[in-house]
Amino acid sequence: MNILSLSTVDLGGGAERVAWQLFDAFRARGHRCRLAVGLRRGQDPDVVRIDNGRGRGPWPRLAWALEAFFHARIGRQRGALRLSRLLRRLAEPANVLSWWRGREPFEYPGAWRLLEEGGPWDLLHAHNLHGDYFDLRALPAFSRRLPVLLTPHDAWLLSGHCAHSFACERWQTGCGQCPDLGIPPAVRRDATAENWRAKRDLYAASRLYLGAPSRWLLDKVRRSMLAPALAEARVIPYGIDLNLYRPGDPAAARRALGLPAEGRLLLFTAHAARRNPWKDYANLRAALAEIAAAYPGPLSLIALGDNAPPERAGRAEVRFAPFTRDPAQVARYYQAADLYLHPARADTFPNTVLEALACGTPVVATAVGGIPEQVDEGETGALVLPGDPAALAAATLRLLNDDGRRAQMGWRAAAVARQRYDLGRFIDDTWRWYGEALADWRAWRATAHAESV
């Protein structure tokens, strides 16, 4: 099969890693695969950055050339990512006007050439389509030429601007009067009703397939303006590499990471952990102070995914560890920890929870999004309401003070991960979806052609 995939970034965490896993797995099975991205960090020859500057006027060409200059320095030069994003917007006058009005920018002309470059393609598998790199207006035309499969990793496709709406339900009725324009992807003014209608009209002219990672997200999709465009929709939970994420010797893991051998160790992992808008570090820190006040022994928290000096929360120490792309290193953190804490304000189906379970580390998490589908309350961890540090502290203390129950939960967590979340199962489920979508699309095209004749 010839498979074209779309993703915001090639090398990253969360959604980007899922896109990469599928692309890399099908390529390894002998299929011809290409991953087209808005931001290219690696050097893989089958990964291409969408070229939005080709064939444009003098100013767009110059702006895209400058953007490429700073893009190449991301990670090595301070402010390069911010400048790259700014130039991506400024490169197209229509996007500047959209930004000023609060409209979501769609003027990314390179998207329209995707099907011609390197083709022919049997299907297009699109992951997150926000991130200033894709023209959503291409969906109707694309879906008439080949099956377009969507894996949404958040709820941006359903709203007037935000990736997660928290308690707001206006995405069901047309947005407008947005309670928080700053939720990523942020907009300058409230044109959310216009954005919502623009998406609705594009979907109405499209025929799409959707694979959601959680029942929670699929339920939202079915209540949204995207639903009428769907030829078929299903749940395909993520999978992880169980050869890497597995139970290990906690003492050996702590030695390898240079962590204290004594005392209880809690783990929290998120990109830019302290500032991540979807996580709740402030309440985690408040809960940690309560835990430290009640727990008699040494206690520390590792916040993986951030880079900052150590700090204290009451008697507990907080250590920050920078983001790493080495999965073996990440697995050692889970193996070293007594509990994994995941205080989220919004989440779809976090891989970090699956990784903790697979390593036999019980999870204490907030019951938001798809997390209750991952954590079996009382068996593999505990669920608490979001924004309640006292509840998070109480649930954590109950498990810290009961070694037997915590060990039993860890054993059960690893068993559940083996049963449900193997990466091979995820790849096989996705492959079946590809085949069924392709067969359905071909039958639809044949019927449409026969009717036109």
Protein backbone atom coordinates (compact mmCIF):
# COMPACT_ATOMS: atom_id res chain seq x y z
CA MET A 1 0.00 0.00 0.00
CA ASN A 2 1.06 3.59 -0.63
CA ILE A 3 0.38 5.57 2.55
CA LEU A 4 0.67 9.32 3.00
CA SER A 5 0.52 10.56 6.60
CA LEU A 6 0.19 14.09 7.96
CA SER A 7 1.41 15.35 11.33
CA THR A 8 2.42 18.63 12.90
CA VAL A 9 5.95 17.44 13.82
CA ASP A 10 7.96 14.33 13.00
CA LEU A 11 9.80 13.94 16.31
CA GLY A 12 7.89 14.85 19.46
CA GLY A 13 5.74 13.50 22.21
CA GLY A 14 2.13 12.43 22.44
CA ALA A 15 0.30 12.81 19.12
CA GLU A 16 3.49 13.18 17.09
CA ARG A 17 4.90 9.95 18.50
CA VAL A 18 1.72 8.06 17.58
CA ALA A 19 1.91 9.33 13.99
CA TRP A 20 5.58 8.35 13.79
CA GLN A 21 4.98 4.86 15.21
CA LEU A 22 2.39 4.04 12.56
CA PHE A 23 4.41 5.54 9.71
CA ASP A 24 7.56 3.69 10.78
CA ALA A 25 5.79 0.38 11.43
CA PHE A 26 4.08 0.20 8.04
CA ARG A 27 7.29 1.23 6.30
CA ALA A 28 9.07 -1.61 8.10
CA ARG A 29 6.42 -4.01 6.79
CA GLY A 30 7.36 -3.08 3.22
CA HIS A 31 4.74 -0.47 2.37
CA ARG A 32 5.66 2.79 0.66
CA CYS A 33 5.15 5.47 3.30
CA ARG A 34 5.68 9.20 3.51
CA LEU A 35 5.17 11.46 6.52
CA ALA A 36 4.47 15.10 5.61
CA VAL A 37 4.92 17.55 8.48
CA GLY A 38 4.78 21.22 9.31
CA LEU A 39 7.92 21.07 11.46
CA ARG A 40 10.75 18.66 10.53
CA ARG A 41 13.27 17.98 13.27
CA GLY A 42 14.87 14.77 12.06
CA GLN A 43 16.67 13.70 8.89
CA ASP A 44 14.60 10.70 7.82
CA PRO A 45 14.42 10.66 3.98
CA ASP A 46 10.77 9.55 4.03
CA VAL A 47 9.76 12.57 6.09
CA VAL A 48 9.12 15.75 4.11
CA ARG A 49 8.33 19.23 5.28
CA ILE A 50 5.38 20.80 3.48
CA ASP A 51 6.81 23.51 1.23
CA ASN A 52 4.45 26.47 1.46
CA GLY A 53 6.76 29.00 -0.21
CA ARG A 54 7.13 27.41 -3.63
CA GLY A 55 5.49 29.32 -6.45
CA ARG A 56 4.52 32.30 -4.30
CA GLY A 57 5.21 36.02 -4.76
CA PRO A 58 8.39 37.81 -3.63
CA TRP A 59 7.26 38.54 -0.05
CA PRO A 60 5.88 35.07 0.72
CA ARG A 61 9.02 33.49 -0.74
CA LEU A 62 11.26 35.72 1.40
CA ALA A 63 9.19 35.12 4.54
CA TRP A 64 9.16 31.35 4.02
CA ALA A 65 12.92 31.41 3.35
CA LEU A 66 13.50 33.28 6.62
CA GLU A 67 11.16 30.88 8.37
CA ALA A 68 13.19 27.94 7.04
CA PHE A 69 16.38 29.60 8.35
CA PHE A 70 15.03 29.82 11.90
CA HIS A 71 13.28 26.46 11.56
CA ALA A 72 16.68 24.83 11.00
CA ARG A 73 17.93 26.35 14.26
CA ILE A 74 15.10 25.17 16.50
CA GLY A 75 16.61 23.59 19.57
CA ARG A 76 19.98 25.30 19.06
CA GLN A 77 19.14 29.00 19.07
CA ARG A 78 17.06 30.76 21.68
CA GLY A 79 13.78 32.08 20.27
CA ALA A 80 14.10 30.19 16.96
CA LEU A 81 10.81 28.35 17.38
CA ARG A 82 8.94 31.55 18.20
CA LEU A 83 10.41 33.36 15.19
CA SER A 84 9.64 30.40 12.95
CA ARG A 85 6.00 30.41 14.02
CA LEU A 86 5.70 34.17 13.61
CA LEU A 87 7.14 34.09 10.08
CA ARG A 88 4.86 31.19 9.19
CA ARG A 89 1.91 33.47 9.93
CA LEU A 90 3.42 36.58 8.30
CA ALA A 91 4.36 34.73 5.10
CA GLU A 92 0.80 34.90 3.80
CA PRO A 93 -1.09 38.23 3.94
CA ALA A 94 -4.39 36.32 4.19
CA ASN A 95 -3.16 34.67 7.38
CA VAL A 96 -2.22 38.04 8.88
CA LEU A 97 -5.74 39.29 8.20
CA SER A 98 -7.21 36.09 9.65
CA TRP A 99 -5.10 36.45 12.79
CA TRP A 100 -6.19 40.08 13.21
CA ARG A 101 -9.84 39.14 12.90
CA GLY A 102 -9.59 36.09 15.18
CA ARG A 103 -10.06 33.65 12.30
CA GLU A 104 -8.07 30.44 12.14
CA PRO A 105 -5.42 30.69 9.38
CA PHE A 106 -5.78 28.22 6.51
CA GLU A 107 -3.57 29.83 3.85
CA TYR A 108 -0.89 27.13 3.55
CA PRO A 109 -0.68 26.47 -0.21
CA GLY A 110 1.82 23.62 0.04
CA ALA A 111 -0.96 21.40 1.35
CA TRP A 112 -2.69 21.38 -2.03
CA ARG A 113 0.32 19.73 -3.71
CA LEU A 114 0.58 16.85 -1.24
CA LEU A 115 -1.24 14.27 -3.35
CA GLU A 116 0.84 15.03 -6.47
CA GLU A 117 4.24 14.87 -4.80
CA GLY A 118 5.63 11.35 -4.53
CA GLY A 119 2.30 9.75 -5.43
CA PRO A 120 0.13 8.03 -6.32
CA TRP A 121 -1.20 7.43 -2.82
CA ASP A 122 -3.81 4.88 -1.76
CA LEU A 123 -4.91 6.78 1.31
CA LEU A 124 -4.19 9.83 3.44
CA HIS A 125 -3.96 9.43 7.22
CA ALA A 126 -4.10 12.82 8.95
CA HIS A 127 -3.25 13.38 12.59
CA ASN A 128 -3.45 16.82 14.23
CA LEU A 129 -4.19 19.40 11.51
CA HIS A 130 -3.64 22.51 13.61
CA GLY A 131 -0.22 24.05 14.12
CA ASP A 132 0.05 26.51 11.21
CA TYR A 133 0.90 24.09 8.42
CA PHE A 134 -2.22 22.72 6.70
CA ASP A 135 -5.07 24.22 4.66
CA LEU A 136 -8.24 22.63 6.01
CA ARG A 137 -10.06 23.74 2.86
CA ALA A 138 -8.31 20.90 0.99
CA LEU A 139 -10.30 18.20 2.81
CA PRO A 140 -13.31 18.11 0.46
CA ALA A 141 -11.16 17.76 -2.68
CA PHE A 142 -8.84 15.24 -1.06
CA SER A 143 -11.71 13.06 0.17
CA ARG A 144 -13.03 12.74 -3.40
CA ARG A 145 -9.65 11.57 -4.67
CA LEU A 146 -8.72 9.01 -2.01
CA PRO A 147 -9.82 7.86 1.46
CA VAL A 148 -9.01 10.51 4.09
CA LEU A 149 -8.61 9.00 7.55
CA LEU A 150 -8.48 11.20 10.64
CA THR A 151 -6.96 10.39 14.02
CA PRO A 152 -7.80 13.39 16.23
CA HIS A 153 -5.57 13.62 19.28
CA ASP A 154 -7.60 16.48 20.73
CA ALA A 155 -10.91 18.23 20.00
CA TRP A 156 -9.74 21.09 17.75
CA LEU A 157 -11.63 19.76 14.73
CA LEU A 158 -14.87 20.18 16.69
CA SER A 159 -14.50 23.75 17.95
CA GLY A 160 -14.15 27.37 16.94
CA HIS A 161 -10.50 27.50 18.04
CA CYS A 162 -9.55 25.43 21.10
CA ALA A 163 -7.96 22.01 21.30
CA HIS A 164 -9.88 21.27 24.51
CA SER A 165 -13.00 23.07 25.65
CA PHE A 166 -12.88 22.08 29.36
CA ALA A 167 -16.39 22.69 30.77
CA CYS A 168 -17.63 24.76 27.81
CA GLU A 169 -20.22 23.00 25.62
CA ARG A 170 -20.66 25.74 23.02
CA TRP A 171 -18.82 23.61 20.43
CA GLN A 172 -22.07 21.63 20.10
CA THR A 173 -24.17 24.63 19.12
CA GLY A 174 -21.88 26.89 17.09
CA CYS A 175 -19.36 28.47 19.50
CA GLY A 176 -19.32 32.28 19.75
CA GLN A 177 -19.05 34.24 23.02
CA CYS A 178 -15.97 32.17 23.78
CA PRO A 179 -15.16 32.03 27.51
CA ASP A 180 -11.39 31.73 26.93
CA LEU A 181 -9.70 32.85 23.72
CA GLY A 182 -6.30 32.00 25.20
CA ILE A 183 -6.77 28.23 25.20
CA PRO A 184 -4.34 26.84 22.59
CA PRO A 185 -4.48 27.36 19.69
CA ALA A 186 -5.24 30.88 20.93
CA VAL A 187 -7.01 33.49 18.82
CA ARG A 188 -6.85 37.27 19.09
CA ARG A 189 -10.57 38.11 18.83
CA ASP A 190 -13.79 36.19 19.20
CA ALA A 191 -14.50 34.95 15.71
CA THR A 192 -15.13 31.47 17.05
CA ALA A 193 -18.65 31.29 15.58
CA GLU A 194 -17.24 32.10 12.12
CA ASN A 195 -14.49 29.53 12.59
CA TRP A 196 -17.04 26.93 13.67
CA ARG A 197 -19.24 27.57 10.62
CA ALA A 198 -16.24 27.45 8.28
CA LYS A 199 -15.29 24.02 9.59
CA ARG A 200 -18.89 22.80 9.46
CA ASP A 201 -19.20 23.80 5.80
CA LEU A 202 -15.91 22.15 4.87
CA TYR A 203 -16.93 18.92 6.59
CA ALA A 204 -20.33 19.01 4.87
CA ALA A 205 -18.51 18.81 1.51
CA SER A 206 -16.21 15.98 2.67
CA ARG A 207 -16.44 12.23 3.22
CA LEU A 208 -14.10 11.14 6.01
CA TYR A 209 -13.11 8.18 8.18
CA LEU A 210 -12.22 8.64 11.84
CA GLY A 211 -10.33 6.56 14.38
CA ALA A 212 -10.47 8.05 17.89
CA PRO A 213 -8.12 6.87 20.64
CA SER A 214 -10.87 6.91 23.29
CA ARG A 215 -14.62 6.38 23.59
CA TRP A 216 -14.78 9.79 25.27
CA LEU A 217 -13.45 11.55 22.17
CA LEU A 218 -15.58 9.50 19.78
CA ASP A 219 -18.66 10.46 21.78
CA LYS A 220 -17.72 14.14 21.40
CA VAL A 221 -17.20 13.67 17.68
CA ARG A 222 -20.64 12.11 17.28
CA ARG A 223 -22.19 15.15 18.99
CA SER A 224 -20.30 17.64 16.81
CA MET A 225 -20.59 19.26 13.39
CA LEU A 226 -18.01 16.74 12.13
CA ALA A 227 -20.40 13.79 12.55
CA PRO A 228 -22.35 14.17 9.25
CA ALA A 229 -19.10 13.98 7.26
CA LEU A 230 -18.11 10.58 8.62
CA ALA A 231 -18.48 7.53 6.42
CA GLU A 232 -17.33 5.46 9.42
CA ALA A 233 -15.91 6.06 12.90
CA ARG A 234 -14.40 3.76 15.50
CA VAL A 235 -12.19 3.66 18.60
CA ILE A 236 -8.58 2.52 18.18
CA PRO A 237 -6.73 2.92 21.49
CA TYR A 238 -3.02 3.74 21.32
CA GLY A 239 -0.41 1.10 21.98
CA ILE A 240 3.10 1.20 23.43
CA ASP A 241 6.25 -0.89 23.07
CA LEU A 242 5.96 -3.44 25.86
CA ASN A 243 9.52 -4.59 25.25
CA LEU A 244 10.65 -1.18 26.55
CA TYR A 245 7.86 -0.29 28.97
CA ARG A 246 7.78 -3.19 31.41
CA PRO A 247 8.31 -3.78 35.12
CA GLY A 248 11.91 -3.47 36.27
CA ASP A 249 14.03 -3.36 39.41
CA PRO A 250 13.22 -0.05 41.15
CA ALA A 251 16.56 0.03 42.98
CA ALA A 252 18.52 -0.50 39.76
CA ALA A 253 16.45 2.15 37.97
CA ARG A 254 17.12 4.67 40.75
CA ARG A 255 20.84 3.98 40.64
CA ALA A 256 20.91 4.40 36.86
CA LEU A 257 19.09 7.74 37.13
CA GLY A 258 21.01 9.02 40.15
CA LEU A 259 17.86 9.17 42.30
CA PRO A 260 17.65 8.65 46.08
CA ALA A 261 17.71 5.00 47.08
CA GLU A 262 15.61 5.64 50.19
CA GLY A 263 12.16 7.10 50.55
CA ARG A 264 9.09 7.22 48.35
CA LEU A 265 9.36 8.55 44.82
CA LEU A 266 6.45 10.03 42.88
CA LEU A 267 6.58 10.73 39.14
CA PHE A 268 4.79 13.27 36.95
CA THR A 269 5.62 13.66 33.27
CA ALA A 270 4.50 16.30 30.77
CA HIS A 271 6.09 18.59 28.23
CA ALA A 272 6.89 21.91 29.95
CA ALA A 273 5.33 20.41 33.06
CA ARG A 274 4.98 23.64 35.05
CA ARG A 275 3.35 25.61 32.21
CA ASN A 276 1.50 22.92 30.32
CA PRO A 277 -2.08 24.21 29.87
CA TRP A 278 -3.58 20.71 29.84
CA LYS A 279 -1.90 19.57 33.06
CA ASP A 280 -2.29 20.99 36.57
CA TYR A 281 1.10 21.43 38.15
CA ALA A 282 -0.17 24.05 40.62
CA ASN A 283 -2.63 21.62 42.18
CA LEU A 284 -0.06 18.82 42.04
CA ARG A 285 2.34 20.98 44.04
CA ALA A 286 -0.37 21.83 46.57
CA ALA A 287 -1.26 18.14 46.92
CA LEU A 288 2.41 17.25 47.34
CA ALA A 289 2.71 19.63 50.29
CA GLU A 290 -0.28 17.91 51.94
CA ILE A 291 1.18 14.48 51.26
CA ALA A 292 4.55 15.47 52.71
CA ALA A 293 2.90 16.84 55.85
CA ALA A 294 1.14 13.51 56.50
CA TYR A 295 3.69 10.99 55.25
CA PRO A 296 6.40 10.28 57.84
CA GLY A 297 9.27 9.23 55.58
CA PRO A 298 11.39 10.90 52.88
CA LEU A 299 9.37 11.92 49.83
CA SER A 300 10.29 13.37 46.45
CA LEU A 301 8.64 14.09 43.13
CA ILE A 302 10.29 13.87 39.71
CA ALA A 303 8.72 16.18 37.10
CA LEU A 304 9.91 14.72 33.79
CA GLY A 305 9.69 17.01 30.76
CA ASP A 306 10.85 20.30 32.22
CA ASN A 307 14.14 21.94 33.03
CA ALA A 308 14.31 23.97 36.24
CA PRO A 309 16.19 24.09 39.56
CA PRO A 310 14.88 21.83 42.33
CA GLU A 311 12.20 23.26 44.61
CA ARG A 312 10.31 22.21 47.70
CA ALA A 313 6.63 21.59 48.36
CA GLY A 314 6.45 21.47 52.13
CA ARG A 315 8.85 18.75 53.26
CA ALA A 316 8.94 17.13 49.80
CA GLU A 317 11.59 17.82 47.20
CA VAL A 318 10.64 18.42 43.55
CA ARG A 319 13.28 17.56 40.98
CA PHE A 320 12.89 18.48 37.31
CA ALA A 321 14.27 16.33 34.51
CA PRO A 322 14.41 17.57 30.90
CA PHE A 323 12.47 15.94 28.09
CA THR A 324 14.25 12.96 26.56
CA ARG A 325 13.52 11.06 23.36
CA ASP A 326 15.20 7.91 24.73
CA PRO A 327 12.30 5.57 25.61
CA ALA A 328 14.56 3.29 27.67
CA GLN A 329 15.48 6.26 29.84
CA VAL A 330 11.82 7.23 30.20
CA ALA A 331 10.92 3.66 31.18
CA ARG A 332 13.51 3.74 33.97
CA TYR A 333 11.72 6.71 35.55
CA TYR A 334 8.47 4.75 35.70
CA GLN A 335 10.30 1.71 37.07
CA ALA A 336 11.96 3.83 39.75
CA ALA A 337 8.70 5.42 40.94
CA ASP A 338 6.33 4.13 43.60
CA LEU A 339 3.37 5.94 42.01
CA TYR A 340 2.70 7.87 38.83
CA LEU A 341 0.61 11.03 39.33
CA HIS A 342 -1.28 12.51 36.39
CA PRO A 343 -3.22 15.63 37.41
CA ALA A 344 -4.73 16.77 34.10
CA ARG A 345 -7.21 19.53 33.35
CA ALA A 346 -7.92 17.95 29.96
CA ASP A 347 -6.56 14.87 28.21
CA THR A 348 -7.62 12.56 25.42
CA PHE A 349 -5.80 9.25 26.00
CA PRO A 350 -2.36 10.03 27.41
CA ASN A 351 0.47 7.68 26.47
CA THR A 352 2.17 8.49 29.78
CA VAL A 353 -0.59 6.70 31.69
CA LEU A 354 -0.18 3.63 29.47
CA GLU A 355 3.59 3.68 29.97
CA ALA A 356 3.22 3.82 33.74
CA LEU A 357 0.76 0.93 33.76
CA ALA A 358 3.02 -1.17 31.53
CA CYS A 359 5.93 -0.61 33.94
CA GLY A 360 3.80 -1.84 36.84
CA THR A 361 3.49 1.61 38.41
CA PRO A 362 0.02 2.37 39.81
CA VAL A 363 -1.54 5.61 38.61
CA VAL A 364 -3.34 8.34 40.53
CA ALA A 365 -5.01 10.61 37.96
CA THR A 366 -7.82 13.06 37.45
CA ALA A 367 -10.96 11.58 35.88
CA VAL A 368 -11.01 13.74 32.74
CA GLY A 369 -11.26 12.89 29.04
CA GLY A 370 -10.29 9.32 28.21
CA ILE A 371 -8.28 8.68 31.40
CA PRO A 372 -11.11 6.70 33.11
CA GLU A 373 -10.89 4.26 30.18
CA GLN A 374 -7.22 3.66 31.01
CA VAL A 375 -7.19 3.47 34.82
CA ASP A 376 -9.36 0.81 36.45
CA GLU A 377 -10.41 2.44 39.72
CA GLY A 378 -9.21 0.39 42.68
CA GLU A 379 -7.40 -2.15 40.48
CA THR A 380 -4.65 -0.33 38.59
CA GLY A 381 -4.85 3.03 40.33
CA ALA A 382 -7.16 5.73 41.63
CA LEU A 383 -9.21 8.47 39.97
CA VAL A 384 -10.02 11.85 41.52
CA LEU A 385 -11.90 14.94 40.42
CA PRO A 386 -9.84 17.66 38.70
CA GLY A 387 -8.86 20.80 40.58
CA ASP A 388 -9.02 19.11 43.99
CA PRO A 389 -5.54 18.86 45.54
CA ALA A 390 -6.95 17.44 48.81
CA ALA A 391 -8.50 14.50 46.92
CA LEU A 392 -5.29 13.93 44.96
CA ALA A 393 -3.30 13.96 48.21
CA ALA A 394 -5.70 11.59 49.99
CA ALA A 395 -5.68 9.03 47.17
CA THR A 396 -1.89 9.15 46.96
CA LEU A 397 -1.45 8.76 50.70
CA ARG A 398 -3.75 5.74 50.82
CA LEU A 399 -1.50 3.93 48.37
CA LEU A 400 1.80 5.14 49.87
CA ASN A 401 0.71 3.77 53.24
CA ASP A 402 -0.36 0.36 51.92
CA ASP A 403 2.61 -1.47 50.41
CA GLY A 404 0.64 -4.65 49.77
CA ARG A 405 -2.17 -2.95 47.90
CA ARG A 406 0.25 -0.85 45.90
CA ALA A 407 2.23 -3.95 44.85
CA GLN A 408 -0.97 -5.77 43.87
CA MET A 409 -2.08 -2.77 41.81
CA GLY A 410 1.29 -2.67 40.08
CA TRP A 411 1.05 -6.34 39.12
CA ARG A 412 -2.48 -5.83 37.82
CA ALA A 413 -1.46 -2.67 35.90
CA ALA A 414 1.28 -4.51 34.01
CA ALA A 415 -1.10 -7.38 33.20
CA VAL A 416 -3.77 -4.99 31.88
CA ALA A 417 -1.21 -3.20 29.70
CA ARG A 418 -0.14 -6.53 28.18
CA GLN A 419 -3.77 -7.40 27.43
CA ARG A 420 -4.91 -4.05 26.02
CA TYR A 421 -2.11 -1.74 24.99
CA ASP A 422 0.51 -3.64 23.02
CA LEU A 423 1.93 -1.57 20.16
CA GLY A 424 1.54 -4.50 17.77
CA ARG A 425 -2.19 -4.64 18.50
CA PHE A 426 -2.48 -0.91 17.80
CA ILE A 427 -0.65 -1.26 14.47
CA ASP A 428 -2.74 -4.28 13.45
CA ASP A 429 -6.00 -2.53 14.35
CA THR A 430 -4.94 0.48 12.32
CA TRP A 431 -3.98 -1.72 9.38
CA ARG A 432 -7.43 -3.36 9.39
CA TRP A 433 -8.97 0.11 9.48
CA TYR A 434 -6.90 1.11 6.44
CA GLY A 435 -8.07 -1.91 4.48
CA GLU A 436 -11.73 -1.51 5.40
CA ALA A 437 -11.73 2.23 4.69
CA LEU A 438 -10.06 1.70 1.30
CA ALA A 439 -12.58 -0.98 0.33
CA ASP A 440 -15.51 1.17 1.45
CA TRP A 441 -14.19 4.24 -0.38
CA ARG A 442 -13.69 2.28 -3.62
CA ALA A 443 -17.24 0.91 -3.41
CA TRP A 444 -18.56 4.43 -2.80
CA ARG A 445 -16.62 5.78 -5.78
CA ALA A 446 -17.86 2.98 -8.02
CA THR A 447 -21.47 3.66 -6.99
CA ALA A 448 -21.05 7.40 -7.48
CA HIS A 449 -19.55 6.82 -10.93
CA ALA A 450 -22.35 4.43 -11.93
CA GLU A 451 -24.99 6.93 -10.82
CA SER A 452 -23.34 9.74 -12.75
CA VAL A 453 -23.32 7.63 -15.91
